[in-house]
N, C-alpha and C. Protein backbone atom coordinates (compact mmCIF):
# COMPACT_ATOMS: atom_id res chain seq x y z
N UNK A 1 216.64 179.81 16.09
CA UNK A 1 215.60 179.37 15.81
C UNK A 1 214.03 178.91 16.45
N UNK A 2 213.49 179.39 17.30
CA UNK A 2 212.93 178.92 17.71
C UNK A 2 211.35 178.17 17.29
N UNK A 3 211.10 176.75 18.12
CA UNK A 3 210.01 175.83 17.31
C UNK A 3 208.72 177.05 18.34
N UNK A 4 208.07 176.93 17.38
CA UNK A 4 206.49 177.27 18.22
C UNK A 4 205.92 176.09 18.08
N UNK A 5 204.76 175.79 19.40
CA UNK A 5 204.50 174.68 18.81
C UNK A 5 202.27 175.79 18.82
N UNK A 6 201.83 174.71 17.72
CA UNK A 6 200.88 175.41 17.13
C UNK A 6 199.72 174.99 18.21
N UNK A 7 198.77 176.41 17.91
CA UNK A 7 197.61 176.05 18.71
C UNK A 7 196.75 175.11 18.50
N UNK A 8 195.99 174.30 18.97
CA UNK A 8 195.45 173.69 18.78
C UNK A 8 193.88 173.84 19.01
N UNK A 9 193.47 173.72 17.67
CA UNK A 9 191.70 174.19 17.45
C UNK A 9 190.65 174.15 18.74
N UNK A 10 190.42 175.25 18.83
CA UNK A 10 188.74 175.08 19.99
C UNK A 10 187.93 174.11 19.41
N UNK A 11 187.81 173.20 20.27
CA UNK A 11 187.11 172.09 19.79
C UNK A 11 185.77 172.23 20.73
N UNK A 12 184.78 172.01 20.87
CA UNK A 12 183.01 172.34 21.40
C UNK A 12 182.34 171.17 21.08
N UNK A 13 181.78 170.67 22.01
CA UNK A 13 180.91 169.19 22.45
C UNK A 13 179.90 169.37 21.14
N UNK A 14 179.12 168.08 20.71
CA UNK A 14 178.05 168.60 19.76
C UNK A 14 177.21 168.91 20.34
N UNK A 15 175.90 170.09 19.51
CA UNK A 15 175.16 170.25 21.28
C UNK A 15 173.76 169.63 20.20
N UNK A 16 173.98 169.06 19.00
CA UNK A 16 172.43 168.07 18.72
C UNK A 16 171.75 167.67 19.14
N UNK A 17 172.58 166.21 19.67
CA UNK A 17 171.74 165.53 20.61
C UNK A 17 170.89 166.28 21.57
N UNK A 18 171.90 167.13 22.39
CA UNK A 18 171.27 167.30 23.77
C UNK A 18 169.74 168.49 23.25
N UNK A 19 169.78 169.17 21.63
CA UNK A 19 168.81 170.27 21.63
C UNK A 19 167.51 169.24 20.85
N UNK A 20 168.22 167.82 20.36
CA UNK A 20 167.23 166.67 19.89
C UNK A 20 166.62 166.39 21.75
N UNK A 21 166.43 165.77 22.16
CA UNK A 21 166.14 165.32 23.37
C UNK A 21 165.30 166.32 24.16
N UNK A 22 165.94 167.77 24.48
CA UNK A 22 165.11 169.30 24.80
C UNK A 22 163.81 169.25 24.09
N UNK A 23 163.82 168.96 22.50
CA UNK A 23 162.80 169.25 22.20
C UNK A 23 161.69 168.43 21.66
N UNK A 24 162.29 166.80 22.09
CA UNK A 24 161.41 165.41 21.99
C UNK A 24 160.27 166.12 23.48
N UNK A 25 161.33 166.64 24.44
CA UNK A 25 160.47 166.90 25.66
C UNK A 25 159.64 167.86 26.31
N UNK A 26 160.01 168.80 24.63
CA UNK A 26 159.25 169.97 24.86
C UNK A 26 157.91 169.55 24.00
N UNK A 27 157.83 168.66 23.27
CA UNK A 27 156.80 168.18 22.75
C UNK A 27 155.65 167.02 24.07
N UNK A 28 156.74 166.87 24.44
CA UNK A 28 155.68 165.64 25.22
C UNK A 28 154.90 166.29 26.00
N UNK A 29 155.63 167.36 26.78
CA UNK A 29 154.65 168.01 27.54
C UNK A 29 153.50 168.70 26.96
N UNK A 30 154.11 169.56 25.90
CA UNK A 30 152.79 170.17 25.51
C UNK A 30 152.33 169.05 25.35
N UNK A 31 151.94 167.73 24.88
CA UNK A 31 150.95 167.12 24.51
C UNK A 31 150.61 166.31 25.63
N UNK A 32 151.14 165.70 26.87
CA UNK A 32 150.79 165.77 27.98
C UNK A 32 149.79 166.52 28.12
N UNK A 33 150.48 168.00 28.79
CA UNK A 33 149.33 168.92 29.22
C UNK A 33 148.13 168.94 28.69
N UNK A 34 147.79 168.52 27.34
CA UNK A 34 147.07 168.37 26.92
C UNK A 34 145.47 167.60 27.59
N UNK A 35 145.89 166.79 27.77
CA UNK A 35 144.71 166.01 28.96
C UNK A 35 144.49 165.99 30.16
N UNK A 36 145.43 167.03 30.40
CA UNK A 36 144.64 167.51 32.16
C UNK A 36 144.01 167.87 31.90
N UNK A 37 142.53 167.80 32.75
CA UNK A 37 141.09 168.20 32.77
C UNK A 37 141.37 169.23 34.38
N UNK A 38 140.92 170.57 34.04
CA UNK A 38 140.90 171.36 35.36
C UNK A 38 139.40 171.80 35.17
N UNK A 39 139.14 171.32 37.06
CA UNK A 39 138.05 171.59 37.34
C UNK A 39 137.32 173.27 38.14
N UNK A 40 136.61 173.64 37.78
CA UNK A 40 136.78 174.88 38.12
C UNK A 40 134.92 175.36 38.98
N UNK A 41 134.87 175.86 40.00
CA UNK A 41 133.08 176.10 40.35
C UNK A 41 133.13 177.40 39.48
N UNK A 42 132.24 177.62 38.68
CA UNK A 42 131.69 178.75 38.08
C UNK A 42 130.98 179.58 38.48
N UNK A 43 131.30 180.34 39.62
CA UNK A 43 130.02 181.37 39.76
C UNK A 43 129.05 182.20 39.32
N UNK A 44 129.40 182.24 37.71
CA UNK A 44 128.28 183.13 37.30
C UNK A 44 126.96 182.35 36.69
N UNK A 45 127.26 180.83 36.74
CA UNK A 45 126.25 179.97 36.17
C UNK A 45 125.64 179.05 37.18
N UNK A 46 125.94 179.41 38.80
CA UNK A 46 125.23 179.35 39.92
C UNK A 46 124.36 180.86 40.20
N UNK A 47 123.18 180.67 40.08
CA UNK A 47 122.29 181.57 40.64
C UNK A 47 121.63 181.15 41.43
N UNK A 48 121.45 182.16 41.90
CA UNK A 48 120.00 181.67 43.77
C UNK A 48 118.63 181.46 43.01
N UNK A 49 118.90 180.35 43.57
CA UNK A 49 116.86 179.40 42.77
C UNK A 49 115.60 179.78 44.02
N UNK A 50 114.88 180.59 43.84
CA UNK A 50 114.21 180.52 44.98
C UNK A 50 113.21 179.31 45.29
N UNK A 51 112.80 178.89 44.21
CA UNK A 51 112.17 177.87 44.58
C UNK A 51 112.32 176.57 44.60
N UNK A 52 111.97 175.83 46.40
CA UNK A 52 112.64 175.03 46.90
C UNK A 52 111.37 174.34 47.22
N UNK A 53 111.72 173.07 47.42
CA UNK A 53 110.41 171.72 47.42
C UNK A 53 109.98 172.38 49.08
N UNK A 54 109.00 172.57 49.29
CA UNK A 54 108.23 172.71 50.53
C UNK A 54 108.21 171.03 51.42
N UNK A 55 108.30 170.34 51.13
CA UNK A 55 108.24 168.38 51.95
C UNK A 55 109.55 168.22 52.52
N UNK A 56 110.74 169.12 51.46
CA UNK A 56 112.39 168.25 51.99
C UNK A 56 113.35 169.30 53.10
N UNK A 57 113.29 168.90 54.11
CA UNK A 57 114.09 170.46 54.44
C UNK A 57 115.21 170.31 54.20
N UNK A 58 116.13 171.51 54.11
CA UNK A 58 117.33 171.41 53.64
C UNK A 58 118.18 172.70 54.64
N UNK A 59 119.79 172.40 54.96
CA UNK A 59 120.03 172.84 55.95
C UNK A 59 121.08 174.13 55.17
N UNK A 60 120.87 175.43 56.05
CA UNK A 60 121.11 176.64 55.41
C UNK A 60 122.85 176.98 55.68
N UNK A 61 123.60 176.81 54.68
CA UNK A 61 125.06 177.29 55.85
C UNK A 61 124.87 178.47 55.04
N UNK A 62 125.73 179.68 55.48
CA UNK A 62 125.72 180.91 54.65
C UNK A 62 127.67 181.40 55.00
N UNK A 63 127.95 181.73 53.63
CA UNK A 63 129.65 182.28 54.10
C UNK A 63 129.49 183.37 53.85
N UNK A 64 130.08 184.75 54.81
CA UNK A 64 129.48 185.63 53.99
C UNK A 64 130.98 186.32 53.37
N UNK A 65 131.78 187.46 53.20
CA UNK A 65 132.10 187.65 52.52
C UNK A 65 134.09 187.80 53.31
N UNK A 66 133.60 187.45 54.74
CA UNK A 66 135.02 187.80 55.30
C UNK A 66 134.85 186.67 55.96
N UNK A 67 134.50 185.62 55.66
CA UNK A 67 135.00 184.01 55.58
C UNK A 67 134.16 183.65 56.82
N UNK A 68 132.87 184.36 57.09
CA UNK A 68 132.39 184.27 58.50
C UNK A 68 131.68 182.61 58.41
N UNK A 69 131.04 182.17 58.70
CA UNK A 69 130.59 180.65 58.37
C UNK A 69 129.11 180.87 59.46
N UNK A 70 127.78 180.61 59.21
CA UNK A 70 126.55 180.23 59.70
C UNK A 70 126.02 179.33 59.20
N UNK A 71 125.52 177.91 60.14
CA UNK A 71 124.93 177.30 60.45
C UNK A 71 123.55 176.50 60.95
N UNK A 72 122.44 176.92 60.52
CA UNK A 72 120.99 177.24 60.87
C UNK A 72 120.83 178.69 61.48
N UNK A 73 121.93 179.37 61.19
CA UNK A 73 121.55 180.87 62.15
C UNK A 73 123.22 181.19 63.18
N UNK A 74 123.54 179.95 63.11
CA UNK A 74 124.48 179.76 64.51
C UNK A 74 126.44 180.22 63.52
N UNK A 75 127.06 181.22 64.20
CA UNK A 75 128.24 181.40 63.83
C UNK A 75 128.42 180.32 64.34
N UNK A 76 129.98 179.89 63.16
CA UNK A 76 130.64 178.69 64.01
C UNK A 76 132.51 178.98 63.37
N UNK A 77 133.08 178.04 63.19
CA UNK A 77 134.57 178.15 62.86
C UNK A 77 134.81 176.95 61.39
N UNK A 78 135.41 177.37 60.82
CA UNK A 78 135.77 176.31 59.20
C UNK A 78 136.37 174.49 59.46
N UNK A 79 136.50 174.67 61.28
CA UNK A 79 137.31 173.55 61.49
C UNK A 79 135.80 172.93 62.15
N UNK A 80 134.81 173.76 62.27
CA UNK A 80 133.97 173.05 63.63
C UNK A 80 132.59 172.71 62.71
N UNK A 81 132.64 172.66 61.47
CA UNK A 81 131.86 172.73 59.81
C UNK A 81 130.97 171.24 60.81
N UNK A 82 132.20 170.31 60.88
CA UNK A 82 131.24 168.88 60.28
C UNK A 82 130.49 168.53 62.29
N UNK A 83 130.98 169.06 63.32
CA UNK A 83 130.32 168.34 64.36
C UNK A 83 129.45 169.80 64.47
N UNK A 84 128.92 170.42 64.01
CA UNK A 84 127.95 171.61 63.87
C UNK A 84 126.40 170.54 63.10
N UNK A 85 127.32 170.38 61.72
CA UNK A 85 126.83 169.98 60.77
C UNK A 85 125.34 168.40 61.59
N UNK A 86 126.46 167.61 62.50
CA UNK A 86 126.23 166.21 62.49
C UNK A 86 125.07 167.25 63.88
N UNK A 87 125.21 167.44 64.44
CA UNK A 87 124.54 167.87 66.03
C UNK A 87 123.24 168.68 65.45
N UNK A 88 123.14 169.38 64.21
CA UNK A 88 121.52 169.26 63.38
C UNK A 88 121.26 168.83 63.03
N UNK A 89 122.65 167.47 62.66
CA UNK A 89 120.93 165.86 61.55
C UNK A 89 120.62 165.50 63.30
N UNK A 90 120.86 165.25 64.58
CA UNK A 90 120.90 164.80 65.03
C UNK A 90 119.04 165.51 65.44
N UNK A 91 119.33 166.63 65.68
CA UNK A 91 118.22 167.44 66.67
C UNK A 91 117.21 167.76 65.12
N UNK A 92 117.26 167.85 63.13
CA UNK A 92 116.70 167.31 62.77
C UNK A 92 116.66 166.59 61.51
N UNK A 93 116.03 166.14 61.10
CA UNK A 93 116.30 165.29 60.05
C UNK A 93 116.56 166.71 58.46
N UNK A 94 117.30 166.01 57.49
CA UNK A 94 117.47 167.20 56.46
C UNK A 94 118.04 166.22 55.28
N UNK A 95 117.00 166.50 54.33
CA UNK A 95 117.51 165.93 53.07
C UNK A 95 119.75 166.57 52.45
N UNK A 96 119.21 167.51 52.80
CA UNK A 96 120.41 167.58 51.81
C UNK A 96 121.17 169.16 52.50
N UNK A 97 121.25 170.48 52.15
CA UNK A 97 122.49 171.27 52.52
C UNK A 97 122.23 172.23 51.47
N UNK A 98 121.94 173.48 52.16
CA UNK A 98 122.47 174.91 50.77
C UNK A 98 123.26 175.55 51.40
N UNK A 99 124.68 175.60 50.80
CA UNK A 99 126.13 176.70 50.98
C UNK A 99 124.83 178.18 50.18
N UNK A 100 125.38 178.95 50.61
CA UNK A 100 124.83 180.78 50.07
C UNK A 100 126.19 180.75 50.85
N UNK A 101 127.15 180.86 49.67
CA UNK A 101 128.45 181.79 49.81
C UNK A 101 128.29 183.14 49.15
N UNK A 102 129.01 184.24 49.23
CA UNK A 102 129.21 185.86 48.74
C UNK A 102 130.05 185.68 48.16
N UNK A 103 130.29 186.11 46.76
CA UNK A 103 130.93 185.82 45.58
C UNK A 103 133.03 186.31 46.39
N UNK A 104 132.84 187.13 47.33
CA UNK A 104 134.50 186.92 47.26
C UNK A 104 134.81 186.60 48.09
N UNK A 105 133.95 185.52 49.17
CA UNK A 105 134.29 184.10 49.77
C UNK A 105 135.61 183.41 49.64
N UNK A 106 136.99 183.70 50.23
CA UNK A 106 137.44 182.67 49.42
C UNK A 106 137.21 180.44 49.54
N UNK A 107 137.80 180.57 47.92
CA UNK A 107 137.29 179.28 47.54
C UNK A 107 138.22 178.06 48.34
N UNK A 108 138.59 177.93 49.23
CA UNK A 108 139.29 177.10 50.12
C UNK A 108 138.80 177.29 51.45
N UNK A 109 138.25 178.46 51.80
CA UNK A 109 137.15 178.13 52.57
C UNK A 109 135.80 177.21 52.26
N UNK A 110 135.01 177.74 51.32
CA UNK A 110 133.71 177.15 50.27
C UNK A 110 134.41 175.52 50.44
N UNK A 111 135.13 175.29 49.97
CA UNK A 111 135.75 173.85 49.58
C UNK A 111 135.55 172.72 51.25
N UNK A 112 136.53 173.63 52.00
CA UNK A 112 136.64 172.79 53.40
C UNK A 112 135.26 172.45 53.39
N UNK A 113 134.06 173.84 53.55
CA UNK A 113 132.95 173.65 54.68
C UNK A 113 131.91 172.33 53.55
N UNK A 114 131.89 172.46 52.68
CA UNK A 114 131.00 171.51 51.21
C UNK A 114 131.99 170.29 51.58
N UNK A 115 133.26 169.81 51.84
CA UNK A 115 133.64 168.94 52.17
C UNK A 115 133.21 168.26 53.77
N UNK A 116 133.41 168.97 54.44
CA UNK A 116 133.13 169.03 55.73
C UNK A 116 131.58 168.40 55.76
N UNK A 117 130.85 169.27 54.52
CA UNK A 117 129.40 168.78 55.57
C UNK A 117 129.24 167.34 54.88
N UNK A 118 129.98 167.13 53.46
CA UNK A 118 129.68 165.46 53.37
C UNK A 118 130.19 164.70 54.03
N UNK A 119 130.80 164.98 54.93
CA UNK A 119 131.72 164.09 55.62
C UNK A 119 130.72 163.78 57.38
N UNK A 120 129.50 164.75 57.59
CA UNK A 120 128.75 164.93 58.33
C UNK A 120 127.91 164.14 57.37
N UNK A 121 127.81 163.34 57.01
CA UNK A 121 126.81 162.44 55.98
C UNK A 121 125.66 162.90 55.05
N UNK A 122 125.42 164.74 55.02
CA UNK A 122 124.80 165.16 53.75
C UNK A 122 125.29 164.80 52.65
N UNK A 123 124.72 164.07 51.94
CA UNK A 123 125.03 164.34 49.90
C UNK A 123 124.99 165.04 50.04
N UNK A 124 123.91 165.33 49.19
CA UNK A 124 122.82 166.01 49.00
C UNK A 124 123.64 167.69 49.28
N UNK A 125 124.48 168.29 48.36
CA UNK A 125 124.86 170.06 48.74
C UNK A 125 125.05 170.86 47.91
N UNK A 126 124.13 171.94 47.78
CA UNK A 126 123.98 172.81 46.80
C UNK A 126 124.69 174.03 46.70
N UNK A 127 125.98 174.75 46.14
CA UNK A 127 126.27 175.89 46.18
C UNK A 127 125.68 176.96 45.37
N UNK A 128 125.00 178.25 46.27
CA UNK A 128 125.01 179.31 45.45
C UNK A 128 125.04 180.47 45.58
N UNK A 129 125.30 181.56 44.91
CA UNK A 129 125.89 182.69 45.21
C UNK A 129 125.05 184.03 45.64
N UNK A 130 125.46 184.65 46.71
CA UNK A 130 124.66 185.78 47.35
C UNK A 130 124.34 186.52 46.74
């Protein structure tokens, strides 16, 4: 008579502690993301204001739908905005700048343009849509 070895029962690791940790992490990330405040430019809320005070000069910056930038009527590159604004400030005394951006213009170009205008020394920058 042959001796048969009994098959060992299949044992699996206990998954309960791992599932507890996964659910705790899920709850943590849900709660943590509710504290993050996202900021965005609301194009629908900014309409063009035609009444400007006549005693303050403002620099006009236009961004068209193709991302081309015009500062004071001269076309420039997005990388040369700061230098062009600085040269305009030397020639004239501007109190602020108005950036007229097309609705379909790239938001990256818009943000970069506003940042470079502020770096050039104009802190009052208004963004309006064309």
